[in-house]
PDB file of N, CA and C in Angstrom:
ATOM      1  N   MET A   1     -32.137 -16.228  -0.108  1.00  0.00           N
ATOM      2  CA  MET A   1     -31.040 -17.407   0.121  1.00  0.00           C
ATOM      3  C   MET A   1     -29.618 -17.096   0.230  1.00  0.00           C
ATOM      4  N   SER A   2     -29.164 -16.797   1.297  1.00  0.00           N
ATOM      5  CA  SER A   2     -28.065 -16.766   2.060  1.00  0.00           C
ATOM      6  C   SER A   2     -26.505 -17.226   1.713  1.00  0.00           C
ATOM      7  N   HIS A   3     -25.210 -16.574   1.228  1.00  0.00           N
ATOM      8  CA  HIS A   3     -24.290 -17.556   1.426  1.00  0.00           C
ATOM      9  C   HIS A   3     -24.090 -18.837   2.058  1.00  0.00           C
ATOM     10  N   ALA A   4     -24.295 -18.705   3.163  1.00  0.00           N
ATOM     11  CA  ALA A   4     -24.135 -19.819   4.048  1.00  0.00           C
ATOM     12  C   ALA A   4     -25.309 -21.077   3.844  1.00  0.00           C
ATOM     13  N   ASP A   5     -26.563 -20.440   3.522  1.00  0.00           N
ATOM     14  CA  ASP A   5     -27.380 -21.479   3.145  1.00  0.00           C
ATOM     15  C   ASP A   5     -26.980 -21.981   1.779  1.00  0.00           C
ATOM     16  N   ILE A   6     -26.248 -21.444   0.795  1.00  0.00           N
ATOM     17  CA  ILE A   6     -26.013 -22.259  -0.891  1.00  0.00           C
ATOM     18  C   ILE A   6     -24.910 -23.538  -0.157  1.00  0.00           C
ATOM     19  N   LEU A   7     -23.785 -22.664   0.518  1.00  0.00           N
ATOM     20  CA  LEU A   7     -22.644 -23.533   1.142  1.00  0.00           C
ATOM     21  C   LEU A   7     -23.070 -24.637   1.721  1.00  0.00           C
ATOM     22  N   HIS A   8     -24.157 -24.644   2.643  1.00  0.00           N
ATOM     23  CA  HIS A   8     -24.969 -25.816   2.768  1.00  0.00           C
ATOM     24  C   HIS A   8     -25.577 -26.941   2.293  1.00  0.00           C
ATOM     25  N   PHE A   9     -26.584 -26.198   1.104  1.00  0.00           N
ATOM     26  CA  PHE A   9     -27.482 -27.440   0.355  1.00  0.00           C
ATOM     27  C   PHE A   9     -25.947 -27.747  -0.494  1.00  0.00           C
ATOM     28  N   THR A  10     -24.638 -27.132  -1.085  1.00  0.00           N
ATOM     29  CA  THR A  10     -24.117 -27.697  -1.775  1.00  0.00           C
ATOM     30  C   THR A  10     -23.182 -28.811  -1.160  1.00  0.00           C
ATOM     31  N   SER A  11     -22.621 -28.853   0.382  1.00  0.00           N
ATOM     32  CA  SER A  11     -22.318 -29.492   0.991  1.00  0.00           C
ATOM     33  C   SER A  11     -23.018 -30.693   1.350  1.00  0.00           C
ATOM     34  N   GLN A  12     -24.526 -30.971   1.237  1.00  0.00           N
ATOM     35  CA  GLN A  12     -25.341 -32.068   1.588  1.00  0.00           C
ATOM     36  C   GLN A  12     -25.222 -32.507   0.225  1.00  0.00           C
ATOM     37  N   ALA A  13     -25.588 -31.640  -1.216  1.00  0.00           N
ATOM     38  CA  ALA A  13     -25.502 -32.325  -2.600  1.00  0.00           C
ATOM     39  C   ALA A  13     -24.563 -33.487  -2.660  1.00  0.00           C
ATOM     40  N   LEU A  14     -23.226 -33.089  -2.361  1.00  0.00           N
ATOM     41  CA  LEU A  14     -22.001 -33.599  -2.652  1.00  0.00           C
ATOM     42  C   LEU A  14     -21.876 -34.954  -1.860  1.00  0.00           C
ATOM     43  N   TRP A  15     -22.146 -34.767  -0.320  1.00  0.00           N
ATOM     44  CA  TRP A  15     -22.124 -35.882  -0.171  1.00  0.00           C
ATOM     45  C   TRP A  15     -23.340 -36.706  -0.054  1.00  0.00           C
ATOM     46  N   LEU A  16     -24.391 -36.306  -0.853  1.00  0.00           N
ATOM     47  CA  LEU A  16     -25.361 -37.480  -1.076  1.00  0.00           C
ATOM     48  C   LEU A  16     -24.859 -37.968  -2.287  1.00  0.00           C
ATOM     49  N   VAL A  17     -24.238 -37.604  -3.417  1.00  0.00           N
ATOM     50  CA  VAL A  17     -23.884 -38.114  -5.069  1.00  0.00           C
ATOM     51  C   VAL A  17     -22.863 -38.674  -4.453  1.00  0.00           C
ATOM     52  N   LEU A  18     -21.565 -38.645  -3.296  1.00  0.00           N
ATOM     53  CA  LEU A  18     -20.705 -39.160  -2.959  1.00  0.00           C
ATOM     54  C   LEU A  18     -21.296 -40.696  -2.193  1.00  0.00           C
ATOM     55  N   ILE A  19     -22.101 -40.872  -1.475  1.00  0.00           N
ATOM     56  CA  ILE A  19     -22.947 -41.999  -0.828  1.00  0.00           C
ATOM     57  C   ILE A  19     -23.297 -42.818  -1.899  1.00  0.00           C
ATOM     58  N   LEU A  20     -23.999 -42.102  -2.715  1.00  0.00           N
ATOM     59  CA  LEU A  20     -25.023 -42.974  -4.033  1.00  0.00           C
ATOM     60  C   LEU A  20     -24.087 -43.413  -5.000  1.00  0.00           C
ATOM     61  N   SER A  21     -22.586 -42.939  -4.702  1.00  0.00           N
ATOM     62  CA  SER A  21     -22.076 -43.190  -6.030  1.00  0.00           C
ATOM     63  C   SER A  21     -20.975 -44.415  -5.211  1.00  0.00           C
ATOM     64  N   MET A  22     -20.978 -44.788  -4.077  1.00  0.00           N
ATOM     65  CA  MET A  22     -19.921 -45.658  -3.326  1.00  0.00           C
ATOM     66  C   MET A  22     -20.962 -47.063  -3.882  1.00  0.00           C
ATOM     67  N   PRO A  23     -19.668 -47.729  -4.196  1.00  0.00           N
ATOM     68  CA  PRO A  23     -20.105 -49.706  -4.537  1.00  0.00           C
ATOM     69  C   PRO A  23     -20.444 -50.362  -3.957  1.00  0.00           C
ATOM     70  N   PRO A  24     -21.805 -50.791  -3.629  1.00  0.00           N
ATOM     71  CA  PRO A  24     -21.833 -51.634  -2.434  1.00  0.00           C
ATOM     72  C   PRO A  24     -20.984 -52.605  -1.650  1.00  0.00           C
TER      73      PRO A  24
END
């Protein structure tokens, strides 16, 4: 796994957490 792959996965995970934690 390359450094760019790790950054991409981390950014995707952060966005997912932000979206799921937003109130309806």
